[in-house]
PDB file of N, CA and C in Angstrom:
ATOM      1  N   MET A   1     -11.376   1.153   4.260  1.00  0.00           N
ATOM      2  CA  MET A   1      -9.845   1.272   4.496  1.00  0.00           C
ATOM      3  C   MET A   1      -9.375   2.714   5.190  1.00  0.00           C
ATOM      4  N   LYS A   2      -8.918   2.915   5.935  1.00  0.00           N
ATOM      5  CA  LYS A   2      -8.239   4.253   7.014  1.00  0.00           C
ATOM      6  C   LYS A   2      -7.155   4.551   6.220  1.00  0.00           C
ATOM      7  N   THR A   3      -7.117   5.955   5.729  1.00  0.00           N
ATOM      8  CA  THR A   3      -6.084   6.201   4.977  1.00  0.00           C
ATOM      9  C   THR A   3      -5.757   7.698   5.741  1.00  0.00           C
ATOM     10  N   ASN A   4      -4.317   7.928   5.838  1.00  0.00           N
ATOM     11  CA  ASN A   4      -3.782   9.239   6.201  1.00  0.00           C
ATOM     12  C   ASN A   4      -4.024  10.281   5.529  1.00  0.00           C
ATOM     13  N   LYS A   5      -3.758  11.359   6.267  1.00  0.00           N
ATOM     14  CA  LYS A   5      -4.309  12.660   5.336  1.00  0.00           C
ATOM     15  C   LYS A   5      -2.753  13.429   5.101  1.00  0.00           C
ATOM     16  N   PRO A   6      -1.972  12.829   4.601  1.00  0.00           N
ATOM     17  CA  PRO A   6      -0.024  13.972   4.383  1.00  0.00           C
ATOM     18  C   PRO A   6      -0.751  15.365   4.056  1.00  0.00           C
ATOM     19  N   LYS A   7       0.248  16.087   4.723  1.00  0.00           N
ATOM     20  CA  LYS A   7       0.669  17.353   4.600  1.00  0.00           C
ATOM     21  C   LYS A   7       0.928  17.749   3.281  1.00  0.00           C
ATOM     22  N   THR A   8       1.868  16.982   2.357  1.00  0.00           N
ATOM     23  CA  THR A   8       2.614  17.568   1.180  1.00  0.00           C
ATOM     24  C   THR A   8       2.596  16.336   0.149  1.00  0.00           C
ATOM     25  N   ILE A   9       2.449  16.883  -0.948  1.00  0.00           N
ATOM     26  CA  ILE A   9       2.177  15.750  -1.701  1.00  0.00           C
ATOM     27  C   ILE A   9       3.705  14.542  -1.714  1.00  0.00           C
ATOM     28  N   GLN A  10       4.636  15.162  -1.020  1.00  0.00           N
ATOM     29  CA  GLN A  10       6.238  14.081  -0.924  1.00  0.00           C
ATOM     30  C   GLN A  10       6.053  13.134   0.022  1.00  0.00           C
ATOM     31  N   GLU A  11       5.040  13.894   0.658  1.00  0.00           N
ATOM     32  CA  GLU A  11       4.910  12.748   1.992  1.00  0.00           C
ATOM     33  C   GLU A  11       3.945  12.078   1.702  1.00  0.00           C
ATOM     34  N   ALA A  12       2.746  12.079   1.273  1.00  0.00           N
ATOM     35  CA  ALA A  12       1.860  11.104   0.427  1.00  0.00           C
ATOM     36  C   ALA A  12       2.685  10.134  -0.542  1.00  0.00           C
ATOM     37  N   ILE A  13       3.429  10.606  -1.290  1.00  0.00           N
ATOM     38  CA  ILE A  13       4.386   9.418  -2.114  1.00  0.00           C
ATOM     39  C   ILE A  13       5.211   8.489  -0.744  1.00  0.00           C
ATOM     40  N   ASP A  14       5.639   9.330  -0.442  1.00  0.00           N
ATOM     41  CA  ASP A  14       6.850   8.651   0.611  1.00  0.00           C
ATOM     42  C   ASP A  14       5.728   7.561   1.064  1.00  0.00           C
ATOM     43  N   GLU A  15       4.593   7.818   2.140  1.00  0.00           N
ATOM     44  CA  GLU A  15       3.629   6.880   2.634  1.00  0.00           C
ATOM     45  C   GLU A  15       3.350   5.600   1.807  1.00  0.00           C
ATOM     46  N   LEU A  16       3.195   5.890   0.751  1.00  0.00           N
ATOM     47  CA  LEU A  16       2.899   5.245  -0.591  1.00  0.00           C
ATOM     48  C   LEU A  16       3.753   4.128  -0.405  1.00  0.00           C
ATOM     49  N   GLN A  17       5.078   4.560  -0.679  1.00  0.00           N
ATOM     50  CA  GLN A  17       6.403   3.901  -1.249  1.00  0.00           C
ATOM     51  C   GLN A  17       6.776   2.745   0.180  1.00  0.00           C
ATOM     52  N   THR A  18       6.650   3.338   1.571  1.00  0.00           N
ATOM     53  CA  THR A  18       6.735   2.957   2.513  1.00  0.00           C
ATOM     54  C   THR A  18       5.931   1.508   2.884  1.00  0.00           C
ATOM     55  N   PHE A  19       4.384   2.366   2.899  1.00  0.00           N
ATOM     56  CA  PHE A  19       3.211   1.006   2.976  1.00  0.00           C
ATOM     57  C   PHE A  19       3.471  -0.233   1.707  1.00  0.00           C
ATOM     58  N   LEU A  20       4.268  -0.036   0.334  1.00  0.00           N
ATOM     59  CA  LEU A  20       3.823  -0.780  -0.160  1.00  0.00           C
ATOM     60  C   LEU A  20       5.262  -1.494   0.101  1.00  0.00           C
ATOM     61  N   GLU A  21       6.651  -0.895   0.448  1.00  0.00           N
ATOM     62  CA  GLU A  21       7.775  -1.911   0.586  1.00  0.00           C
ATOM     63  C   GLU A  21       7.034  -2.787   1.989  1.00  0.00           C
ATOM     64  N   CYS A  22       6.473  -2.808   2.957  1.00  0.00           N
ATOM     65  CA  CYS A  22       6.400  -3.263   3.656  1.00  0.00           C
ATOM     66  C   CYS A  22       4.904  -4.263   3.442  1.00  0.00           C
ATOM     67  N   ASP A  23       4.106  -3.863   3.049  1.00  0.00           N
ATOM     68  CA  ASP A  23       3.087  -4.783   2.204  1.00  0.00           C
ATOM     69  C   ASP A  23       2.739  -6.016   1.585  1.00  0.00           C
ATOM     70  N   MET A  24       3.498  -5.230   0.525  1.00  0.00           N
ATOM     71  CA  MET A  24       3.801  -5.902  -0.864  1.00  0.00           C
ATOM     72  C   MET A  24       4.499  -7.548  -0.623  1.00  0.00           C
ATOM     73  N   PRO A  25       5.671  -7.582  -0.045  1.00  0.00           N
ATOM     74  CA  PRO A  25       6.741  -8.649  -0.126  1.00  0.00           C
ATOM     75  C   PRO A  25       5.934  -9.914   0.247  1.00  0.00           C
ATOM     76  N   SER A  26       4.946  -9.720   1.804  1.00  0.00           N
ATOM     77  CA  SER A  26       4.213 -10.782   2.181  1.00  0.00           C
ATOM     78  C   SER A  26       3.212 -11.076   1.417  1.00  0.00           C
ATOM     79  N   MET A  27       2.790 -10.290   0.603  1.00  0.00           N
ATOM     80  CA  MET A  27       1.661 -10.543  -0.456  1.00  0.00           C
ATOM     81  C   MET A  27       2.006 -11.634  -1.586  1.00  0.00           C
ATOM     82  N   VAL A  28       3.448 -11.441  -1.724  1.00  0.00           N
ATOM     83  CA  VAL A  28       4.068 -12.410  -3.019  1.00  0.00           C
ATOM     84  C   VAL A  28       4.650 -13.548  -2.644  1.00  0.00           C
ATOM     85  N   PHE A  29       5.063 -13.522  -1.494  1.00  0.00           N
ATOM     86  CA  PHE A  29       5.471 -14.828  -0.424  1.00  0.00           C
ATOM     87  C   PHE A  29       4.957 -14.827   0.560  1.00  0.00           C
ATOM     88  N   PRO A  30       4.146 -15.596   0.664  1.00  0.00           N
ATOM     89  CA  PRO A  30       3.081 -15.443   2.234  1.00  0.00           C
ATOM     90  C   PRO A  30       3.887 -16.124   2.877  1.00  0.00           C
ATOM     91  N   GLU A  31       4.566 -16.812   2.926  1.00  0.00           N
ATOM     92  CA  GLU A  31       5.020 -17.704   3.763  1.00  0.00           C
ATOM     93  C   GLU A  31       6.226 -17.304   4.809  1.00  0.00           C
ATOM     94  N   GLU A  32       6.569 -16.803   6.067  1.00  0.00           N
ATOM     95  CA  GLU A  32       7.383 -16.493   6.544  1.00  0.00           C
ATOM     96  C   GLU A  32       7.484 -17.149   8.024  1.00  0.00           C
ATOM     97  N   LYS A  33       9.091 -17.391   8.290  1.00  0.00           N
ATOM     98  CA  LYS A  33       9.439 -17.725   9.656  1.00  0.00           C
ATOM     99  C   LYS A  33       9.405 -16.310  10.294  1.00  0.00           C
ATOM    100  N   VAL A  34       9.356 -16.364  11.669  1.00  0.00           N
ATOM    101  CA  VAL A  34       8.873 -15.387  12.814  1.00  0.00           C
ATOM    102  C   VAL A  34       8.916 -15.864  13.775  1.00  0.00           C
ATOM    103  N   LEU A  35      10.184 -15.336  14.460  1.00  0.00           N
ATOM    104  CA  LEU A  35      10.642 -16.252  15.873  1.00  0.00           C
ATOM    105  C   LEU A  35      10.385 -17.564  15.903  1.00  0.00           C
ATOM    106  N   GLY A  36      10.723 -18.437  15.090  1.00  0.00           N
ATOM    107  CA  GLY A  36      10.641 -19.629  15.072  1.00  0.00           C
ATOM    108  C   GLY A  36       9.767 -20.281  14.334  1.00  0.00           C
ATOM    109  N   SER A  37       8.618 -19.263  14.431  1.00  0.00           N
ATOM    110  CA  SER A  37       7.331 -20.048  13.760  1.00  0.00           C
ATOM    111  C   SER A  37       7.387 -19.616  12.231  1.00  0.00           C
ATOM    112  N   ASN A  38       6.236 -20.890  11.490  1.00  0.00           N
ATOM    113  CA  ASN A  38       5.770 -20.606  10.423  1.00  0.00           C
ATOM    114  C   ASN A  38       4.404 -19.929  10.523  1.00  0.00           C
ATOM    115  N   TRP A  39       4.701 -18.537   9.718  1.00  0.00           N
ATOM    116  CA  TRP A  39       3.501 -17.603   9.744  1.00  0.00           C
ATOM    117  C   TRP A  39       3.316 -17.925   8.091  1.00  0.00           C
ATOM    118  N   VAL A  40       1.761 -17.728   8.049  1.00  0.00           N
ATOM    119  CA  VAL A  40       1.284 -17.603   6.694  1.00  0.00           C
ATOM    120  C   VAL A  40       0.006 -16.731   6.223  1.00  0.00           C
ATOM    121  N   ARG A  41       0.571 -15.348   5.462  1.00  0.00           N
ATOM    122  CA  ARG A  41      -0.345 -14.729   5.283  1.00  0.00           C
ATOM    123  C   ARG A  41      -1.875 -15.319   4.525  1.00  0.00           C
ATOM    124  N   VAL A  42      -2.796 -14.740   5.056  1.00  0.00           N
ATOM    125  CA  VAL A  42      -4.229 -15.672   4.311  1.00  0.00           C
ATOM    126  C   VAL A  42      -4.600 -14.785   2.946  1.00  0.00           C
ATOM    127  N   ASP A  43      -4.106 -13.811   2.894  1.00  0.00           N
ATOM    128  CA  ASP A  43      -4.838 -13.362   1.762  1.00  0.00           C
ATOM    129  C   ASP A  43      -3.722 -12.722   0.528  1.00  0.00           C
ATOM    130  N   PRO A  44      -2.940 -13.761   0.041  1.00  0.00           N
ATOM    131  CA  PRO A  44      -1.450 -13.439  -0.893  1.00  0.00           C
ATOM    132  C   PRO A  44      -2.395 -13.098  -2.101  1.00  0.00           C
ATOM    133  N   PHE A  45      -1.627 -12.254  -3.201  1.00  0.00           N
ATOM    134  CA  PHE A  45      -1.743 -12.183  -4.057  1.00  0.00           C
ATOM    135  C   PHE A  45      -2.454 -14.308  -4.986  1.00  0.00           C
ATOM    136  N   LYS A  46      -3.300 -14.511  -5.556  1.00  0.00           N
ATOM    137  CA  LYS A  46      -3.742 -15.209  -6.444  1.00  0.00           C
ATOM    138  C   LYS A  46      -3.312 -15.310  -8.056  1.00  0.00           C
ATOM    139  N   SER A  47      -3.317 -13.978  -8.338  1.00  0.00           N
ATOM    140  CA  SER A  47      -3.355 -14.556  -9.738  1.00  0.00           C
ATOM    141  C   SER A  47      -2.514 -12.781 -10.119  1.00  0.00           C
ATOM    142  N   ARG A  48      -1.980 -12.279 -11.380  1.00  0.00           N
ATOM    143  CA  ARG A  48      -1.943 -11.419 -12.077  1.00  0.00           C
ATOM    144  C   ARG A  48      -2.511 -10.335 -11.765  1.00  0.00           C
ATOM    145  N   GLU A  49      -3.872 -10.665 -12.321  1.00  0.00           N
ATOM    146  CA  GLU A  49      -5.076  -9.196 -11.735  1.00  0.00           C
ATOM    147  C   GLU A  49      -5.259  -9.078 -10.658  1.00  0.00           C
ATOM    148  N   ASP A  50      -4.676  -9.874  -9.369  1.00  0.00           N
ATOM    149  CA  ASP A  50      -4.547  -9.717  -8.430  1.00  0.00           C
ATOM    150  C   ASP A  50      -3.528  -8.328  -7.908  1.00  0.00           C
ATOM    151  N   VAL A  51      -2.781  -8.565  -8.201  1.00  0.00           N
ATOM    152  CA  VAL A  51      -1.204  -7.756  -8.103  1.00  0.00           C
ATOM    153  C   VAL A  51      -1.972  -6.409  -8.729  1.00  0.00           C
ATOM    154  N   VAL A  52      -2.153  -6.103 -10.231  1.00  0.00           N
ATOM    155  CA  VAL A  52      -2.780  -4.978 -10.704  1.00  0.00           C
ATOM    156  C   VAL A  52      -4.059  -4.424  -9.942  1.00  0.00           C
ATOM    157  N   GLU A  53      -4.878  -4.928  -9.420  1.00  0.00           N
ATOM    158  CA  GLU A  53      -5.991  -4.106  -9.203  1.00  0.00           C
ATOM    159  C   GLU A  53      -5.437  -3.698  -7.321  1.00  0.00           C
ATOM    160  N   TYR A  54      -4.654  -4.484  -6.571  1.00  0.00           N
ATOM    161  CA  TYR A  54      -3.676  -4.085  -5.470  1.00  0.00           C
ATOM    162  C   TYR A  54      -3.582  -2.362  -5.748  1.00  0.00           C
ATOM    163  N   LEU A  55      -2.301  -2.694  -6.615  1.00  0.00           N
ATOM    164  CA  LEU A  55      -1.655  -1.280  -7.563  1.00  0.00           C
ATOM    165  C   LEU A  55      -2.848  -0.582  -7.519  1.00  0.00           C
ATOM    166  N   ARG A  56      -3.709  -0.297  -8.402  1.00  0.00           N
ATOM    167  CA  ARG A  56      -4.609   0.121  -8.942  1.00  0.00           C
ATOM    168  C   ARG A  56      -5.045   1.013  -7.674  1.00  0.00           C
ATOM    169  N   GLU A  57      -5.709   0.170  -7.007  1.00  0.00           N
ATOM    170  CA  GLU A  57      -6.716   0.608  -5.463  1.00  0.00           C
ATOM    171  C   GLU A  57      -5.649   1.797  -5.040  1.00  0.00           C
ATOM    172  N   HIS A  58      -4.210   1.629  -4.334  1.00  0.00           N
ATOM    173  CA  HIS A  58      -2.957   2.250  -3.578  1.00  0.00           C
ATOM    174  C   HIS A  58      -3.444   3.369  -4.511  1.00  0.00           C
ATOM    175  N   PHE A  59      -2.749   3.408  -5.526  1.00  0.00           N
ATOM    176  CA  PHE A  59      -2.285   4.605  -6.771  1.00  0.00           C
ATOM    177  C   PHE A  59      -3.920   5.582  -6.445  1.00  0.00           C
ATOM    178  N   LYS A  60      -5.237   5.182  -6.773  1.00  0.00           N
ATOM    179  CA  LYS A  60      -6.269   5.780  -6.847  1.00  0.00           C
ATOM    180  C   LYS A  60      -6.438   6.406  -5.044  1.00  0.00           C
ATOM    181  N   ILE A  61      -5.819   6.183  -4.126  1.00  0.00           N
ATOM    182  CA  ILE A  61      -5.617   6.580  -2.641  1.00  0.00           C
ATOM    183  C   ILE A  61      -4.690   7.844  -2.750  1.00  0.00           C
ATOM    184  N   LEU A  62      -3.553   7.323  -3.494  1.00  0.00           N
ATOM    185  CA  LEU A  62      -2.481   8.435  -3.709  1.00  0.00           C
ATOM    186  C   LEU A  62      -2.836   9.449  -4.570  1.00  0.00           C
ATOM    187  N   GLU A  63      -3.821   9.459  -5.191  1.00  0.00           N
ATOM    188  CA  GLU A  63      -4.613  10.130  -6.559  1.00  0.00           C
ATOM    189  C   GLU A  63      -5.296  11.121  -5.608  1.00  0.00           C
ATOM    190  N   LYS A  64      -6.557  10.548  -4.951  1.00  0.00           N
ATOM    191  CA  LYS A  64      -7.024  11.389  -3.615  1.00  0.00           C
ATOM    192  C   LYS A  64      -6.587  12.409  -2.911  1.00  0.00           C
ATOM    193  N   GLN A  65      -5.264  11.199  -2.260  1.00  0.00           N
ATOM    194  CA  GLN A  65      -4.673  12.248  -1.012  1.00  0.00           C
ATOM    195  C   GLN A  65      -4.007  13.555  -1.799  1.00  0.00           C
ATOM    196  N   MET A  66      -3.534  13.248  -2.847  1.00  0.00           N
ATOM    197  CA  MET A  66      -2.464  14.538  -3.517  1.00  0.00           C
ATOM    198  C   MET A  66      -3.579  15.228  -4.664  1.00  0.00           C
ATOM    199  N   ASN A  67      -5.333  15.141  -4.757  1.00  0.00           N
ATOM    200  CA  ASN A  67      -6.046  15.850  -4.794  1.00  0.00           C
ATOM    201  C   ASN A  67      -6.300  17.211  -3.495  1.00  0.00           C
ATOM    202  N   GLU A  68      -6.527  16.409  -2.664  1.00  0.00           N
ATOM    203  CA  GLU A  68      -7.120  16.840  -1.215  1.00  0.00           C
ATOM    204  C   GLU A  68      -5.808  18.235  -0.825  1.00  0.00           C
ATOM    205  N   ILE A  69      -4.606  17.573  -0.925  1.00  0.00           N
ATOM    206  CA  ILE A  69      -3.716  18.577  -0.788  1.00  0.00           C
ATOM    207  C   ILE A  69      -3.562  19.523  -1.485  1.00  0.00           C
ATOM    208  N   LYS A  70      -4.004  19.981  -3.047  1.00  0.00           N
ATOM    209  CA  LYS A  70      -4.019  20.774  -4.003  1.00  0.00           C
ATOM    210  C   LYS A  70      -4.981  21.586  -3.416  1.00  0.00           C
ATOM    211  N   ARG A  71      -6.006  21.244  -3.174  1.00  0.00           N
ATOM    212  CA  ARG A  71      -7.535  21.808  -2.962  1.00  0.00           C
ATOM    213  C   ARG A  71      -7.271  22.659  -1.766  1.00  0.00           C
ATOM    214  N   ARG A  72      -6.649  22.143  -0.612  1.00  0.00           N
ATOM    215  CA  ARG A  72      -6.295  23.248   0.651  1.00  0.00           C
ATOM    216  C   ARG A  72      -5.243  24.043   0.231  1.00  0.00           C
ATOM    217  N   LYS A  73      -4.278  23.894  -0.681  1.00  0.00           N
ATOM    218  CA  LYS A  73      -3.542  25.019  -0.934  1.00  0.00           C
ATOM    219  C   LYS A  73      -4.330  25.939  -1.936  1.00  0.00           C
ATOM    220  N   GLU A  74      -5.146  25.890  -2.397  1.00  0.00           N
ATOM    221  CA  GLU A  74      -5.747  26.972  -3.155  1.00  0.00           C
ATOM    222  C   GLU A  74      -6.494  28.265  -2.382  1.00  0.00           C
TER     223      GLU A  74
END
């Protein structure tokens, strides 16, 4: 998975929020009508555990980004 290199902790948090707002709804509601066609996401959440794992992974990325920002400031 490719990740950005935000310059500030706030930027990292904002990027995570934007990503989750864009990505999560289609993971929960995988069928969507787009331009008159039905689109179905092929990797929706199948269980509560999938949701928890998804969130853990993305918060691990945020933590790594924040640690990198802190190291650059030292």
